[in-house]
Amino acid sequence: MGGNRVVRVAKFVVIGVLAVAVFGLLITLLWNWLMPGLFGWHTIGFWQALGLFLLARLLVGGFRGGPPHRPRRWRRRMLDRWEQMTPEERERFRQGLREHWCPPGPEEAPQP
């Protein structure tokens, strides 16, 4: 039983190393193909590409995994609250969202 676990861990490590190498190579190739021609920037090496990938993941996406179809808790809570609202409460909620997020139209714009 223990030998099977070692094999699985070894496969996981090998696949992980291959994935990192492929991502690094792809980022290097795409950067060196696009950026110097579009913006006049310098080309980068493999390790710089891996650093760029790590930085982008940390700043934008994080390293969360899991299936993308998994429902989020906040969405379920919001739907439950929405179902419990009266039509008047729903309209007040919509109006509050409009006031907060929608820019004023030409007829609603303040006059100087």
PDB file of N, CA and C in Angstrom:
ATOM      1  N   MET A   1       0.820  -1.190   0.000  1.00  0.00           N
ATOM      2  CA  MET A   1       0.000   0.000   0.000  1.00  0.00           C
ATOM      3  C   MET A   1       0.867   1.257   0.000  1.00  0.00           C
ATOM      4  N   GLY A   2       1.969   1.243   0.771  1.00  0.00           N
ATOM      5  CA  GLY A   2       2.855   2.393   0.850  1.00  0.00           C
ATOM      6  C   GLY A   2       3.580   2.670  -0.455  1.00  0.00           C
ATOM      7  N   GLY A   3       3.899   1.602  -1.206  1.00  0.00           N
ATOM      8  CA  GLY A   3       4.581   1.774  -2.481  1.00  0.00           C
ATOM      9  C   GLY A   3       3.704   2.486  -3.492  1.00  0.00           C
ATOM     10  N   ASN A   4       2.406   2.197  -3.453  1.00  0.00           N
ATOM     11  CA  ASN A   4       1.475   2.844  -4.363  1.00  0.00           C
ATOM     12  C   ASN A   4       1.420   4.346  -4.085  1.00  0.00           C
ATOM     13  N   ARG A   5       1.479   4.706  -2.812  1.00  0.00           N
ATOM     14  CA  ARG A   5       1.435   6.113  -2.443  1.00  0.00           C
ATOM     15  C   ARG A   5       2.684   6.851  -2.933  1.00  0.00           C
ATOM     16  N   VAL A   6       3.823   6.202  -2.837  1.00  0.00           N
ATOM     17  CA  VAL A   6       5.066   6.807  -3.298  1.00  0.00           C
ATOM     18  C   VAL A   6       5.007   7.044  -4.804  1.00  0.00           C
ATOM     19  N   VAL A   7       4.471   6.094  -5.523  1.00  0.00           N
ATOM     20  CA  VAL A   7       4.344   6.240  -6.980  1.00  0.00           C
ATOM     21  C   VAL A   7       3.421   7.406  -7.317  1.00  0.00           C
ATOM     22  N   ARG A   8       2.314   7.527  -6.599  1.00  0.00           N
ATOM     23  CA  ARG A   8       1.372   8.630  -6.849  1.00  0.00           C
ATOM     24  C   ARG A   8       2.009   9.979  -6.559  1.00  0.00           C
ATOM     25  N   VAL A   9       2.751  10.080  -5.473  1.00  0.00           N
ATOM     26  CA  VAL A   9       3.429  11.330  -5.136  1.00  0.00           C
ATOM     27  C   VAL A   9       4.483  11.652  -6.187  1.00  0.00           C
ATOM     28  N   ALA A  10       5.217  10.634  -6.629  1.00  0.00           N
ATOM     29  CA  ALA A  10       6.241  10.850  -7.659  1.00  0.00           C
ATOM     30  C   ALA A  10       5.606  11.336  -8.958  1.00  0.00           C
ATOM     31  N   LYS A  11       4.478  10.749  -9.344  1.00  0.00           N
ATOM     32  CA  LYS A  11       3.768  11.193 -10.549  1.00  0.00           C
ATOM     33  C   LYS A  11       3.316  12.638 -10.401  1.00  0.00           C
ATOM     34  N   PHE A  12       2.805  12.963  -9.228  1.00  0.00           N
ATOM     35  CA  PHE A  12       2.337  14.324  -8.964  1.00  0.00           C
ATOM     36  C   PHE A  12       3.485  15.322  -9.090  1.00  0.00           C
ATOM     37  N   VAL A  13       4.630  14.984  -8.530  1.00  0.00           N
ATOM     38  CA  VAL A  13       5.800  15.866  -8.592  1.00  0.00           C
ATOM     39  C   VAL A  13       6.270  16.026 -10.034  1.00  0.00           C
ATOM     40  N   VAL A  14       6.338  14.925 -10.771  1.00  0.00           N
ATOM     41  CA  VAL A  14       6.785  14.987 -12.167  1.00  0.00           C
ATOM     42  C   VAL A  14       5.825  15.826 -13.002  1.00  0.00           C
ATOM     43  N   ILE A  15       4.533  15.615 -12.828  1.00  0.00           N
ATOM     44  CA  ILE A  15       3.541  16.392 -13.575  1.00  0.00           C
ATOM     45  C   ILE A  15       3.626  17.864 -13.187  1.00  0.00           C
ATOM     46  N   GLY A  16       3.829  18.156 -11.904  1.00  0.00           N
ATOM     47  CA  GLY A  16       3.971  19.543 -11.462  1.00  0.00           C
ATOM     48  C   GLY A  16       5.171  20.224 -12.076  1.00  0.00           C
ATOM     49  N   VAL A  17       6.303  19.533 -12.089  1.00  0.00           N
ATOM     50  CA  VAL A  17       7.523  20.102 -12.674  1.00  0.00           C
ATOM     51  C   VAL A  17       7.328  20.322 -14.178  1.00  0.00           C
ATOM     52  N   LEU A  18       6.708  19.374 -14.862  1.00  0.00           N
ATOM     53  CA  LEU A  18       6.443  19.540 -16.297  1.00  0.00           C
ATOM     54  C   LEU A  18       5.496  20.708 -16.551  1.00  0.00           C
ATOM     55  N   ALA A  19       4.456  20.859 -15.714  1.00  0.00           N
ATOM     56  CA  ALA A  19       3.511  21.967 -15.883  1.00  0.00           C
ATOM     57  C   ALA A  19       4.214  23.310 -15.703  1.00  0.00           C
ATOM     58  N   VAL A  20       5.054  23.424 -14.682  1.00  0.00           N
ATOM     59  CA  VAL A  20       5.796  24.672 -14.458  1.00  0.00           C
ATOM     60  C   VAL A  20       6.708  24.955 -15.647  1.00  0.00           C
ATOM     61  N   ALA A  21       7.374  23.939 -16.154  1.00  0.00           N
ATOM     62  CA  ALA A  21       8.262  24.126 -17.308  1.00  0.00           C
ATOM     63  C   ALA A  21       7.484  24.563 -18.539  1.00  0.00           C
ATOM     64  N   VAL A  22       6.337  23.956 -18.774  1.00  0.00           N
ATOM     65  CA  VAL A  22       5.520  24.321 -19.946  1.00  0.00           C
ATOM     66  C   VAL A  22       5.006  25.751 -19.801  1.00  0.00           C
ATOM     67  N   PHE A  23       4.492  26.116 -18.606  1.00  0.00           N
ATOM     68  CA  PHE A  23       4.023  27.487 -18.396  1.00  0.00           C
ATOM     69  C   PHE A  23       5.163  28.486 -18.596  1.00  0.00           C
ATOM     70  N   GLY A  24       6.330  28.191 -18.055  1.00  0.00           N
ATOM     71  CA  GLY A  24       7.472  29.083 -18.222  1.00  0.00           C
ATOM     72  C   GLY A  24       7.868  29.241 -19.676  1.00  0.00           C
ATOM     73  N   LEU A  25       7.894  28.129 -20.391  1.00  0.00           N
ATOM     74  CA  LEU A  25       8.242  28.184 -21.811  1.00  0.00           C
ATOM     75  C   LEU A  25       7.201  28.960 -22.605  1.00  0.00           C
ATOM     76  N   LEU A  26       5.916  28.725 -22.328  1.00  0.00           N
ATOM     77  CA  LEU A  26       4.848  29.447 -23.037  1.00  0.00           C
ATOM     78  C   LEU A  26       4.915  30.951 -22.775  1.00  0.00           C
ATOM     79  N   ILE A  27       5.101  31.322 -21.526  1.00  0.00           N
ATOM     80  CA  ILE A  27       5.172  32.744 -21.195  1.00  0.00           C
ATOM     81  C   ILE A  27       6.391  33.379 -21.847  1.00  0.00           C
ATOM     82  N   THR A  28       7.524  32.674 -21.831  1.00  0.00           N
ATOM     83  CA  THR A  28       8.728  33.195 -22.481  1.00  0.00           C
ATOM     84  C   THR A  28       8.487  33.412 -23.970  1.00  0.00           C
ATOM     85  N   LEU A  29       7.932  32.407 -24.624  1.00  0.00           N
ATOM     86  CA  LEU A  29       7.708  32.509 -26.067  1.00  0.00           C
ATOM     87  C   LEU A  29       6.706  33.610 -26.410  1.00  0.00           C
ATOM     88  N   LEU A  30       5.591  33.676 -25.670  1.00  0.00           N
ATOM     89  CA  LEU A  30       4.583  34.703 -25.951  1.00  0.00           C
ATOM     90  C   LEU A  30       5.120  36.104 -25.686  1.00  0.00           C
ATOM     91  N   TRP A  31       5.822  36.280 -24.571  1.00  0.00           N
ATOM     92  CA  TRP A  31       6.377  37.593 -24.256  1.00  0.00           C
ATOM     93  C   TRP A  31       7.360  38.025 -25.341  1.00  0.00           C
ATOM     94  N   ASN A  32       8.297  37.120 -25.676  1.00  0.00           N
ATOM     95  CA  ASN A  32       9.330  37.479 -26.645  1.00  0.00           C
ATOM     96  C   ASN A  32       8.773  37.641 -28.051  1.00  0.00           C
ATOM     97  N   TRP A  33       7.637  37.076 -28.321  1.00  0.00           N
ATOM     98  CA  TRP A  33       7.003  37.226 -29.630  1.00  0.00           C
ATOM     99  C   TRP A  33       6.218  38.530 -29.700  1.00  0.00           C
ATOM    100  N   LEU A  34       5.507  38.887 -28.622  1.00  0.00           N
ATOM    101  CA  LEU A  34       4.611  40.043 -28.660  1.00  0.00           C
ATOM    102  C   LEU A  34       5.240  41.353 -28.166  1.00  0.00           C
ATOM    103  N   MET A  35       5.814  41.354 -27.003  1.00  0.00           N
ATOM    104  CA  MET A  35       6.193  42.603 -26.348  1.00  0.00           C
ATOM    105  C   MET A  35       7.268  43.410 -27.071  1.00  0.00           C
ATOM    106  N   PRO A  36       8.362  42.790 -27.559  1.00  0.00           N
ATOM    107  CA  PRO A  36       9.351  43.618 -28.270  1.00  0.00           C
ATOM    108  C   PRO A  36       8.778  44.261 -29.529  1.00  0.00           C
ATOM    109  N   GLY A  37       7.935  43.534 -30.251  1.00  0.00           N
ATOM    110  CA  GLY A  37       7.373  44.087 -31.476  1.00  0.00           C
ATOM    111  C   GLY A  37       6.311  45.145 -31.234  1.00  0.00           C
ATOM    112  N   LEU A  38       5.496  44.952 -30.200  1.00  0.00           N
ATOM    113  CA  LEU A  38       4.405  45.891 -29.932  1.00  0.00           C
ATOM    114  C   LEU A  38       4.871  47.136 -29.184  1.00  0.00           C
ATOM    115  N   PHE A  39       5.674  46.944 -28.154  1.00  0.00           N
ATOM    116  CA  PHE A  39       6.018  48.051 -27.270  1.00  0.00           C
ATOM    117  C   PHE A  39       7.503  48.380 -27.239  1.00  0.00           C
ATOM    118  N   GLY A  40       8.338  47.597 -27.908  1.00  0.00           N
ATOM    119  CA  GLY A  40       9.776  47.835 -27.892  1.00  0.00           C
ATOM    120  C   GLY A  40      10.446  47.389 -26.599  1.00  0.00           C
ATOM    121  N   TRP A  41       9.792  46.535 -25.832  1.00  0.00           N
ATOM    122  CA  TRP A  41      10.367  46.065 -24.571  1.00  0.00           C
ATOM    123  C   TRP A  41      11.402  44.988 -24.850  1.00  0.00           C
ATOM    124  N   HIS A  42      12.230  44.715 -23.841  1.00  0.00           N
ATOM    125  CA  HIS A  42      13.279  43.709 -23.968  1.00  0.00           C
ATOM    126  C   HIS A  42      12.692  42.298 -23.913  1.00  0.00           C
ATOM    127  N   THR A  43      13.448  41.360 -24.443  1.00  0.00           N
ATOM    128  CA  THR A  43      13.052  39.955 -24.318  1.00  0.00           C
ATOM    129  C   THR A  43      13.397  39.464 -22.911  1.00  0.00           C
ATOM    130  N   ILE A  44      12.764  38.371 -22.506  1.00  0.00           N
ATOM    131  CA  ILE A  44      13.013  37.825 -21.175  1.00  0.00           C
ATOM    132  C   ILE A  44      13.451  36.376 -21.304  1.00  0.00           C
ATOM    133  N   GLY A  45      14.036  35.866 -20.234  1.00  0.00           N
ATOM    134  CA  GLY A  45      14.472  34.480 -20.178  1.00  0.00           C
ATOM    135  C   GLY A  45      13.442  33.610 -19.462  1.00  0.00           C
ATOM    136  N   PHE A  46      13.757  32.337 -19.383  1.00  0.00           N
ATOM    137  CA  PHE A  46      12.842  31.363 -18.774  1.00  0.00           C
ATOM    138  C   PHE A  46      12.548  31.693 -17.319  1.00  0.00           C
ATOM    139  N   TRP A  47      13.572  31.997 -16.523  1.00  0.00           N
ATOM    140  CA  TRP A  47      13.366  32.242 -15.093  1.00  0.00           C
ATOM    141  C   TRP A  47      12.626  33.549 -14.867  1.00  0.00           C
ATOM    142  N   GLN A  48      12.860  34.535 -15.711  1.00  0.00           N
ATOM    143  CA  GLN A  48      12.101  35.774 -15.616  1.00  0.00           C
ATOM    144  C   GLN A  48      10.627  35.532 -15.948  1.00  0.00           C
ATOM    145  N   ALA A  49      10.375  34.649 -16.900  1.00  0.00           N
ATOM    146  CA  ALA A  49       8.999  34.323 -17.257  1.00  0.00           C
ATOM    147  C   ALA A  49       8.296  33.614 -16.098  1.00  0.00           C
ATOM    148  N   LEU A  50       9.010  32.706 -15.421  1.00  0.00           N
ATOM    149  CA  LEU A  50       8.408  32.056 -14.258  1.00  0.00           C
ATOM    150  C   LEU A  50       8.134  33.063 -13.145  1.00  0.00           C
ATOM    151  N   GLY A  51       9.029  33.996 -12.940  1.00  0.00           N
ATOM    152  CA  GLY A  51       8.801  35.052 -11.953  1.00  0.00           C
ATOM    153  C   GLY A  51       7.619  35.926 -12.322  1.00  0.00           C
ATOM    154  N   LEU A  52       7.483  36.234 -13.587  1.00  0.00           N
ATOM    155  CA  LEU A  52       6.347  37.017 -14.067  1.00  0.00           C
ATOM    156  C   LEU A  52       5.036  36.267 -13.860  1.00  0.00           C
ATOM    157  N   PHE A  53       5.051  34.970 -14.141  1.00  0.00           N
ATOM    158  CA  PHE A  53       3.869  34.138 -13.928  1.00  0.00           C
ATOM    159  C   PHE A  53       3.481  34.114 -12.451  1.00  0.00           C
ATOM    160  N   LEU A  54       4.461  33.926 -11.586  1.00  0.00           N
ATOM    161  CA  LEU A  54       4.202  33.898 -10.146  1.00  0.00           C
ATOM    162  C   LEU A  54       3.650  35.235  -9.673  1.00  0.00           C
ATOM    163  N   LEU A  55       4.239  36.323 -10.119  1.00  0.00           N
ATOM    164  CA  LEU A  55       3.775  37.650  -9.735  1.00  0.00           C
ATOM    165  C   LEU A  55       2.339  37.891 -10.206  1.00  0.00           C
ATOM    166  N   ALA A  56       2.042  37.518 -11.436  1.00  0.00           N
ATOM    167  CA  ALA A  56       0.690  37.713 -11.960  1.00  0.00           C
ATOM    168  C   ALA A  56      -0.331  36.890 -11.187  1.00  0.00           C
ATOM    169  N   ARG A  57       0.019  35.653 -10.865  1.00  0.00           N
ATOM    170  CA  ARG A  57      -0.909  34.804 -10.104  1.00  0.00           C
ATOM    171  C   ARG A  57      -1.153  35.369  -8.710  1.00  0.00           C
ATOM    172  N   LEU A  58      -0.119  35.885  -8.074  1.00  0.00           N
ATOM    173  CA  LEU A  58      -0.270  36.444  -6.740  1.00  0.00           C
ATOM    174  C   LEU A  58      -1.106  37.720  -6.765  1.00  0.00           C
ATOM    175  N   LEU A  59      -0.874  38.579  -7.750  1.00  0.00           N
ATOM    176  CA  LEU A  59      -1.575  39.852  -7.798  1.00  0.00           C
ATOM    177  C   LEU A  59      -3.012  39.730  -8.291  1.00  0.00           C
ATOM    178  N   VAL A  60      -3.253  38.836  -9.217  1.00  0.00           N
ATOM    179  CA  VAL A  60      -4.565  38.780  -9.858  1.00  0.00           C
ATOM    180  C   VAL A  60      -5.399  37.593  -9.415  1.00  0.00           C
ATOM    181  N   GLY A  61      -4.859  36.400  -9.536  1.00  0.00           N
ATOM    182  CA  GLY A  61      -5.708  35.242  -9.357  1.00  0.00           C
ATOM    183  C   GLY A  61      -5.502  34.449  -8.098  1.00  0.00           C
ATOM    184  N   GLY A  62      -4.357  34.544  -7.498  1.00  0.00           N
ATOM    185  CA  GLY A  62      -4.073  33.659  -6.384  1.00  0.00           C
ATOM    186  C   GLY A  62      -3.862  32.245  -6.889  1.00  0.00           C
ATOM    187  N   PHE A  63      -3.786  31.318  -5.977  1.00  0.00           N
ATOM    188  CA  PHE A  63      -3.539  29.929  -6.357  1.00  0.00           C
ATOM    189  C   PHE A  63      -4.693  29.042  -5.924  1.00  0.00           C
ATOM    190  N   ARG A  64      -5.890  29.577  -5.991  1.00  0.00           N
ATOM    191  CA  ARG A  64      -7.053  28.775  -5.622  1.00  0.00           C
ATOM    192  C   ARG A  64      -7.306  27.730  -6.692  1.00  0.00           C
ATOM    193  N   GLY A  65      -7.606  26.549  -6.252  1.00  0.00           N
ATOM    194  CA  GLY A  65      -7.912  25.480  -7.189  1.00  0.00           C
ATOM    195  C   GLY A  65      -9.340  25.019  -6.984  1.00  0.00           C
ATOM    196  N   GLY A  66      -9.629  23.903  -7.517  1.00  0.00           N
ATOM    197  CA  GLY A  66     -10.956  23.342  -7.336  1.00  0.00           C
ATOM    198  C   GLY A  66     -11.811  23.524  -8.569  1.00  0.00           C
ATOM    199  N   PRO A  67     -12.930  22.857  -8.591  1.00  0.00           N
ATOM    200  CA  PRO A  67     -13.790  22.934  -9.763  1.00  0.00           C
ATOM    201  C   PRO A  67     -14.450  24.306  -9.884  1.00  0.00           C
ATOM    202  N   PRO A  68     -14.520  24.851 -11.098  1.00  0.00           N
ATOM    203  CA  PRO A  68     -15.112  26.175 -11.274  1.00  0.00           C
ATOM    204  C   PRO A  68     -16.629  26.175 -11.126  1.00  0.00           C
ATOM    205  N   HIS A  69     -17.262  25.023 -11.164  1.00  0.00           N
ATOM    206  CA  HIS A  69     -18.722  24.964 -11.091  1.00  0.00           C
ATOM    207  C   HIS A  69     -19.236  24.912  -9.662  1.00  0.00           C
ATOM    208  N   ARG A  70     -18.338  24.915  -8.683  1.00  0.00           N
ATOM    209  CA  ARG A  70     -18.752  24.840  -7.292  1.00  0.00           C
ATOM    210  C   ARG A  70     -19.464  26.141  -6.906  1.00  0.00           C
ATOM    211  N   PRO A  71     -20.678  26.067  -6.381  1.00  0.00           N
ATOM    212  CA  PRO A  71     -21.401  27.295  -6.041  1.00  0.00           C
ATOM    213  C   PRO A  71     -20.726  28.027  -4.886  1.00  0.00           C
ATOM    214  N   ARG A  72     -20.839  29.314  -4.894  1.00  0.00           N
ATOM    215  CA  ARG A  72     -20.240  30.129  -3.848  1.00  0.00           C
ATOM    216  C   ARG A  72     -21.273  30.406  -2.761  1.00  0.00           C
ATOM    217  N   ARG A  73     -20.796  30.474  -1.537  1.00  0.00           N
ATOM    218  CA  ARG A  73     -21.705  30.651  -0.400  1.00  0.00           C
ATOM    219  C   ARG A  73     -22.426  31.980  -0.441  1.00  0.00           C
ATOM    220  N   TRP A  74     -21.717  33.050  -0.829  1.00  0.00           N
ATOM    221  CA  TRP A  74     -22.347  34.368  -0.824  1.00  0.00           C
ATOM    222  C   TRP A  74     -23.507  34.424  -1.803  1.00  0.00           C
ATOM    223  N   ARG A  75     -23.389  33.719  -2.912  1.00  0.00           N
ATOM    224  CA  ARG A  75     -24.463  33.731  -3.903  1.00  0.00           C
ATOM    225  C   ARG A  75     -25.711  33.062  -3.335  1.00  0.00           C
ATOM    226  N   ARG A  76     -25.535  31.948  -2.654  1.00  0.00           N
ATOM    227  CA  ARG A  76     -26.670  31.254  -2.045  1.00  0.00           C
ATOM    228  C   ARG A  76     -27.338  32.117  -0.974  1.00  0.00           C
ATOM    229  N   ARG A  77     -26.509  32.776  -0.150  1.00  0.00           N
ATOM    230  CA  ARG A  77     -27.055  33.655   0.889  1.00  0.00           C
ATOM    231  C   ARG A  77     -27.820  34.815   0.276  1.00  0.00           C
ATOM    232  N   MET A  78     -27.279  35.403  -0.787  1.00  0.00           N
ATOM    233  CA  MET A  78     -27.942  36.530  -1.436  1.00  0.00           C
ATOM    234  C   MET A  78     -29.266  36.099  -2.057  1.00  0.00           C
ATOM    235  N   LEU A  79     -29.286  34.927  -2.673  1.00  0.00           N
ATOM    236  CA  LEU A  79     -30.539  34.434  -3.248  1.00  0.00           C
ATOM    237  C   LEU A  79     -31.575  34.169  -2.162  1.00  0.00           C
ATOM    238  N   ASP A  80     -31.144  33.636  -1.031  1.00  0.00           N
ATOM    239  CA  ASP A  80     -32.077  33.417   0.078  1.00  0.00           C
ATOM    240  C   ASP A  80     -32.654  34.737   0.576  1.00  0.00           C
ATOM    241  N   ARG A  81     -31.795  35.738   0.729  1.00  0.00           N
ATOM    242  CA  ARG A  81     -32.273  37.046   1.183  1.00  0.00           C
ATOM    243  C   ARG A  81     -33.210  37.665   0.162  1.00  0.00           C
ATOM    244  N   TRP A  82     -32.882  37.521  -1.130  1.00  0.00           N
ATOM    245  CA  TRP A  82     -33.712  38.079  -2.199  1.00  0.00           C
ATOM    246  C   TRP A  82     -35.105  37.453  -2.179  1.00  0.00           C
ATOM    247  N   GLU A  83     -35.175  36.146  -1.968  1.00  0.00           N
ATOM    248  CA  GLU A  83     -36.467  35.461  -1.951  1.00  0.00           C
ATOM    249  C   GLU A  83     -37.324  35.893  -0.770  1.00  0.00           C
ATOM    250  N   GLN A  84     -36.694  36.321   0.307  1.00  0.00           N
ATOM    251  CA  GLN A  84     -37.448  36.743   1.489  1.00  0.00           C
ATOM    252  C   GLN A  84     -37.889  38.208   1.412  1.00  0.00           C
ATOM    253  N   MET A  85     -37.408  38.965   0.439  1.00  0.00           N
ATOM    254  CA  MET A  85     -37.769  40.376   0.318  1.00  0.00           C
ATOM    255  C   MET A  85     -39.151  40.533  -0.290  1.00  0.00           C
ATOM    256  N   THR A  86     -39.829  41.586   0.127  1.00  0.00           N
ATOM    257  CA  THR A  86     -41.108  41.945  -0.503  1.00  0.00           C
ATOM    258  C   THR A  86     -40.790  42.666  -1.805  1.00  0.00           C
ATOM    259  N   PRO A  87     -41.773  42.810  -2.700  1.00  0.00           N
ATOM    260  CA  PRO A  87     -41.515  43.546  -3.952  1.00  0.00           C
ATOM    261  C   PRO A  87     -41.045  44.990  -3.698  1.00  0.00           C
ATOM    262  N   GLU A  88     -41.566  45.636  -2.648  1.00  0.00           N
ATOM    263  CA  GLU A  88     -41.129  47.000  -2.341  1.00  0.00           C
ATOM    264  C   GLU A  88     -39.662  47.024  -1.907  1.00  0.00           C
ATOM    265  N   GLU A  89     -39.263  46.050  -1.086  1.00  0.00           N
ATOM    266  CA  GLU A  89     -37.871  45.975  -0.654  1.00  0.00           C
ATOM    267  C   GLU A  89     -36.945  45.702  -1.830  1.00  0.00           C
ATOM    268  N   ARG A  90     -37.390  44.854  -2.743  1.00  0.00           N
ATOM    269  CA  ARG A  90     -36.576  44.562  -3.929  1.00  0.00           C
ATOM    270  C   ARG A  90     -36.384  45.812  -4.774  1.00  0.00           C
ATOM    271  N   GLU A  91     -37.450  46.594  -4.936  1.00  0.00           N
ATOM    272  CA  GLU A  91     -37.348  47.818  -5.731  1.00  0.00           C
ATOM    273  C   GLU A  91     -36.428  48.840  -5.048  1.00  0.00           C
ATOM    274  N   ARG A  92     -36.514  48.951  -3.715  1.00  0.00           N
ATOM    275  CA  ARG A  92     -35.611  49.847  -2.991  1.00  0.00           C
ATOM    276  C   ARG A  92     -34.161  49.400  -3.149  1.00  0.00           C
ATOM    277  N   PHE A  93     -33.942  48.095  -3.115  1.00  0.00           N
ATOM    278  CA  PHE A  93     -32.595  47.551  -3.299  1.00  0.00           C
ATOM    279  C   PHE A  93     -32.075  47.886  -4.694  1.00  0.00           C
ATOM    280  N   ARG A  94     -32.897  47.677  -5.715  1.00  0.00           N
ATOM    281  CA  ARG A  94     -32.489  47.992  -7.091  1.00  0.00           C
ATOM    282  C   ARG A  94     -32.179  49.481  -7.227  1.00  0.00           C
ATOM    283  N   GLN A  95     -33.039  50.328  -6.635  1.00  0.00           N
ATOM    284  CA  GLN A  95     -32.829  51.767  -6.719  1.00  0.00           C
ATOM    285  C   GLN A  95     -31.516  52.164  -6.053  1.00  0.00           C
ATOM    286  N   GLY A  96     -31.220  51.548  -4.911  1.00  0.00           N
ATOM    287  CA  GLY A  96     -29.955  51.839  -4.247  1.00  0.00           C
ATOM    288  C   GLY A  96     -28.759  51.446  -5.104  1.00  0.00           C
ATOM    289  N   LEU A  97     -28.861  50.311  -5.774  1.00  0.00           N
ATOM    290  CA  LEU A  97     -27.776  49.901  -6.678  1.00  0.00           C
ATOM    291  C   LEU A  97     -27.624  50.885  -7.826  1.00  0.00           C
ATOM    292  N   ARG A  98     -28.767  51.325  -8.390  1.00  0.00           N
ATOM    293  CA  ARG A  98     -28.702  52.288  -9.504  1.00  0.00           C
ATOM    294  C   ARG A  98     -28.045  53.590  -9.055  1.00  0.00           C
ATOM    295  N   GLU A  99     -28.433  54.086  -7.869  1.00  0.00           N
ATOM    296  CA  GLU A  99     -27.870  55.344  -7.387  1.00  0.00           C
ATOM    297  C   GLU A  99     -26.378  55.217  -7.128  1.00  0.00           C
ATOM    298  N   HIS A 100     -25.964  54.058  -6.660  1.00  0.00           N
ATOM    299  CA  HIS A 100     -24.554  53.881  -6.313  1.00  0.00           C
ATOM    300  C   HIS A 100     -23.683  53.604  -7.533  1.00  0.00           C
ATOM    301  N   TRP A 101     -24.137  52.780  -8.466  1.00  0.00           N
ATOM    302  CA  TRP A 101     -23.282  52.291  -9.545  1.00  0.00           C
ATOM    303  C   TRP A 101     -23.526  52.911 -10.907  1.00  0.00           C
ATOM    304  N   CYS A 102     -24.719  53.412 -11.179  1.00  0.00           N
ATOM    305  CA  CYS A 102     -25.017  53.934 -12.514  1.00  0.00           C
ATOM    306  C   CYS A 102     -24.728  55.431 -12.566  1.00  0.00           C
ATOM    307  N   PRO A 103     -24.036  55.899 -13.606  1.00  0.00           N
ATOM    308  CA  PRO A 103     -23.796  57.339 -13.721  1.00  0.00           C
ATOM    309  C   PRO A 103     -25.107  58.047 -14.043  1.00  0.00           C
ATOM    310  N   PRO A 104     -25.244  59.305 -13.647  1.00  0.00           N
ATOM    311  CA  PRO A 104     -26.479  60.025 -13.953  1.00  0.00           C
ATOM    312  C   PRO A 104     -26.621  60.233 -15.448  1.00  0.00           C
ATOM    313  N   GLY A 105     -27.851  60.113 -15.910  1.00  0.00           N
ATOM    314  CA  GLY A 105     -28.138  60.353 -17.327  1.00  0.00           C
ATOM    315  C   GLY A 105     -28.136  61.836 -17.633  1.00  0.00           C
ATOM    316  N   PRO A 106     -28.340  62.206 -18.913  1.00  0.00           N
ATOM    317  CA  PRO A 106     -28.306  63.630 -19.276  1.00  0.00           C
ATOM    318  C   PRO A 106     -29.391  64.441 -18.565  1.00  0.00           C
ATOM    319  N   GLU A 107     -30.554  63.852 -18.358  1.00  0.00           N
ATOM    320  CA  GLU A 107     -31.626  64.576 -17.683  1.00  0.00           C
ATOM    321  C   GLU A 107     -31.409  64.666 -16.185  1.00  0.00           C
ATOM    322  N   GLU A 108     -30.560  63.811 -15.621  1.00  0.00           N
ATOM    323  CA  GLU A 108     -30.301  63.810 -14.189  1.00  0.00           C
ATOM    324  C   GLU A 108     -29.001  64.519 -13.823  1.00  0.00           C
ATOM    325  N   ALA A 109     -28.243  64.947 -14.818  1.00  0.00           N
ATOM    326  CA  ALA A 109     -26.951  65.561 -14.540  1.00  0.00           C
ATOM    327  C   ALA A 109     -27.142  66.878 -13.818  1.00  0.00           C
ATOM    328  N   PRO A 110     -26.293  67.162 -12.832  1.00  0.00           N
ATOM    329  CA  PRO A 110     -26.429  68.447 -12.118  1.00  0.00           C
ATOM    330  C   PRO A 110     -26.121  69.624 -13.026  1.00  0.00           C
ATOM    331  N   GLN A 111     -26.836  70.708 -12.856  1.00  0.00           N
ATOM    332  CA  GLN A 111     -26.644  71.905 -13.646  1.00  0.00           C
ATOM    333  C   GLN A 111     -25.562  72.785 -13.016  1.00  0.00           C
ATOM    334  N   PRO A 112     -24.650  73.338 -13.827  1.00  0.00           N
ATOM    335  CA  PRO A 112     -23.578  74.185 -13.263  1.00  0.00           C
ATOM    336  C   PRO A 112     -24.073  75.547 -12.844  1.00  0.00           C
TER     337      PRO A 112
END
